[in-house]
Amino acid sequence: MLDSEIRYLADKVFVHRWPHDTPLWGDSVKKQLDDSINKKPDKKNIVVKEKTIQIEDVEFTSLKKIGISIPFFKNECTMIFEAQFGDLFSHVHITIQSGNFLDVFNQLILWRQKLQN
C-alpha cells in the first residue's frame, strides 16, 4: 500500500496509442491530449497514486511495463509505461529535468516495487 502520493512537475510528456492493434483514437481525443499534455509548453502536473498515474486532468489506469531510468550523461529521470485512459490504450513517456530528478527517481522506484508486490 502506498503511504502517500508522489507529485511532481514534468518537463516533457508524450502520450501515444499503443499497441497498434488497439482501437484508433478519434480526432477529439488526439486534440485533447495534444492541447493538455503532448504539445503544452508548460510543465505538466504528475500525480502518482497506488495504481494510477494522473497527468494534468487525464487519469491512466491498468499500468503495465513500467520502466524508470536515468539516461547516461543526462540530468533527468524518465518513466515509460503502458496504460489505459478510459477505454483507450496508450504508451506514455514522462521526463523530469529539474534539480530534484534524483529524488523523484528514488520515489518512483519505491512506488514501482510496492506496485509489483
Protein backbone atom coordinates (compact mmCIF):
# COMPACT_ATOMS: atom_id res chain seq x y z
CA MET A 1 0.00 0.00 0.00
CA LEU A 2 1.36 3.39 -0.95
CA ASP A 3 1.60 5.76 2.01
CA SER A 4 1.19 8.95 0.00
CA GLU A 5 1.05 10.32 -3.49
CA ILE A 6 4.10 11.30 -5.49
CA ARG A 7 3.61 14.75 -7.01
CA TYR A 8 5.98 16.49 -9.37
CA LEU A 9 6.18 18.67 -12.45
CA ALA A 10 7.35 17.02 -15.66
CA ASP A 11 9.21 18.90 -18.36
CA LYS A 12 8.16 16.62 -21.21
CA VAL A 13 5.29 14.17 -21.61
CA PHE A 14 4.30 12.24 -24.71
CA VAL A 15 1.21 10.02 -24.90
CA HIS A 16 0.51 7.89 -27.96
CA ARG A 17 -1.66 4.93 -28.94
CA TRP A 18 -0.11 1.55 -28.19
CA PRO A 19 -0.22 -1.23 -29.16
CA HIS A 20 -1.12 -0.55 -32.77
CA ASP A 21 -3.78 -3.28 -32.87
CA THR A 22 -5.95 -1.41 -30.33
CA PRO A 23 -8.89 0.87 -31.26
CA LEU A 24 -7.96 4.06 -33.10
CA TRP A 25 -8.19 7.36 -31.26
CA GLY A 26 -10.64 9.91 -32.57
CA ASP A 27 -9.53 13.39 -33.60
CA SER A 28 -11.09 14.90 -30.46
CA VAL A 29 -9.03 12.58 -28.21
CA LYS A 30 -5.82 13.43 -30.08
CA LYS A 31 -6.59 17.15 -29.85
CA GLN A 32 -7.35 16.93 -26.13
CA LEU A 33 -4.05 15.11 -25.45
CA ASP A 34 -2.06 17.48 -27.68
CA ASP A 35 -3.57 20.59 -26.08
CA SER A 36 -3.35 19.45 -22.45
CA ILE A 37 -0.23 17.26 -22.50
CA ASN A 38 1.80 16.47 -25.63
CA LYS A 39 2.22 19.97 -27.06
CA LYS A 40 1.67 22.00 -23.90
CA PRO A 41 4.82 24.12 -23.46
CA ASP A 42 4.43 24.45 -19.67
CA LYS A 43 5.43 21.84 -17.12
CA LYS A 44 2.83 19.13 -16.61
CA ASN A 45 1.39 18.10 -13.23
CA ILE A 46 2.05 14.45 -12.43
CA VAL A 47 0.36 12.61 -9.56
CA VAL A 48 1.39 9.01 -8.97
CA LYS A 49 -1.01 7.11 -6.73
CA GLU A 50 -1.15 3.49 -5.67
CA LYS A 51 -2.38 2.08 -9.01
CA THR A 52 -2.92 5.14 -11.19
CA ILE A 53 -0.97 8.00 -12.72
CA GLN A 54 -2.65 11.31 -13.40
CA ILE A 55 -1.16 13.72 -15.93
CA GLU A 56 -2.92 17.07 -15.81
CA ASP A 57 -6.62 16.03 -15.94
CA VAL A 58 -6.12 12.61 -17.55
CA GLU A 59 -6.03 9.53 -15.32
CA PHE A 60 -4.15 6.44 -16.51
CA THR A 61 -5.07 3.02 -15.14
CA SER A 62 -4.17 -0.64 -15.79
CA LEU A 63 -0.47 0.24 -15.60
CA LYS A 64 1.93 -2.24 -17.24
CA LYS A 65 5.57 -2.47 -18.28
CA ILE A 66 6.75 0.42 -16.10
CA GLY A 67 10.32 1.48 -16.81
CA ILE A 68 12.11 4.14 -14.77
CA SER A 69 15.60 5.28 -15.68
CA ILE A 70 18.24 7.97 -15.59
CA PRO A 71 19.77 8.11 -19.08
CA PHE A 72 23.55 8.19 -19.35
CA PHE A 73 25.09 11.68 -19.38
CA LYS A 74 21.76 13.43 -18.68
CA ASN A 75 20.43 15.11 -15.57
CA GLU A 76 16.92 13.75 -15.91
CA CYS A 77 14.62 10.90 -14.97
CA THR A 78 12.33 9.19 -17.46
CA MET A 79 9.37 6.93 -16.78
CA ILE A 80 7.75 4.95 -19.60
CA PHE A 81 4.69 2.75 -19.20
CA GLU A 82 1.67 1.24 -20.90
CA ALA A 83 -1.76 2.16 -19.57
CA GLN A 84 -5.38 2.85 -20.33
CA PHE A 85 -7.33 6.07 -20.07
CA GLY A 86 -11.00 5.38 -20.35
CA ASP A 87 -11.32 2.56 -22.90
CA LEU A 88 -8.25 3.62 -24.88
CA PHE A 89 -4.77 2.08 -24.75
CA SER A 90 -1.61 4.16 -24.60
CA HIS A 91 2.15 4.31 -24.17
CA VAL A 92 3.34 7.20 -22.02
CA HIS A 93 6.76 8.86 -21.69
CA ILE A 94 7.34 11.27 -18.78
CA THR A 95 10.62 13.18 -18.32
CA ILE A 96 11.67 15.42 -15.45
CA GLN A 97 14.82 17.51 -15.88
CA SER A 98 14.69 19.71 -12.80
CA GLY A 99 17.09 19.69 -9.87
CA ASN A 100 15.08 17.14 -7.87
CA PHE A 101 15.07 14.44 -10.57
CA LEU A 102 17.06 12.07 -8.30
CA ASP A 103 14.50 12.40 -5.50
CA VAL A 104 11.68 11.73 -7.95
CA PHE A 105 13.59 8.74 -9.38
CA ASN A 106 14.01 7.20 -5.91
CA GLN A 107 10.35 7.74 -5.02
CA LEU A 108 9.20 6.21 -8.32
CA ILE A 109 11.45 3.16 -7.88
CA LEU A 110 10.00 2.52 -4.40
CA TRP A 111 6.46 3.01 -5.73
CA ARG A 112 7.06 0.53 -8.57
CA GLN A 113 8.46 -2.07 -6.17
CA LYS A 114 5.36 -1.77 -3.96
CA LEU A 115 3.08 -1.94 -7.00
CA GLN A 116 4.72 -5.13 -8.27
CA ASN A 117 4.47 -6.94 -4.90
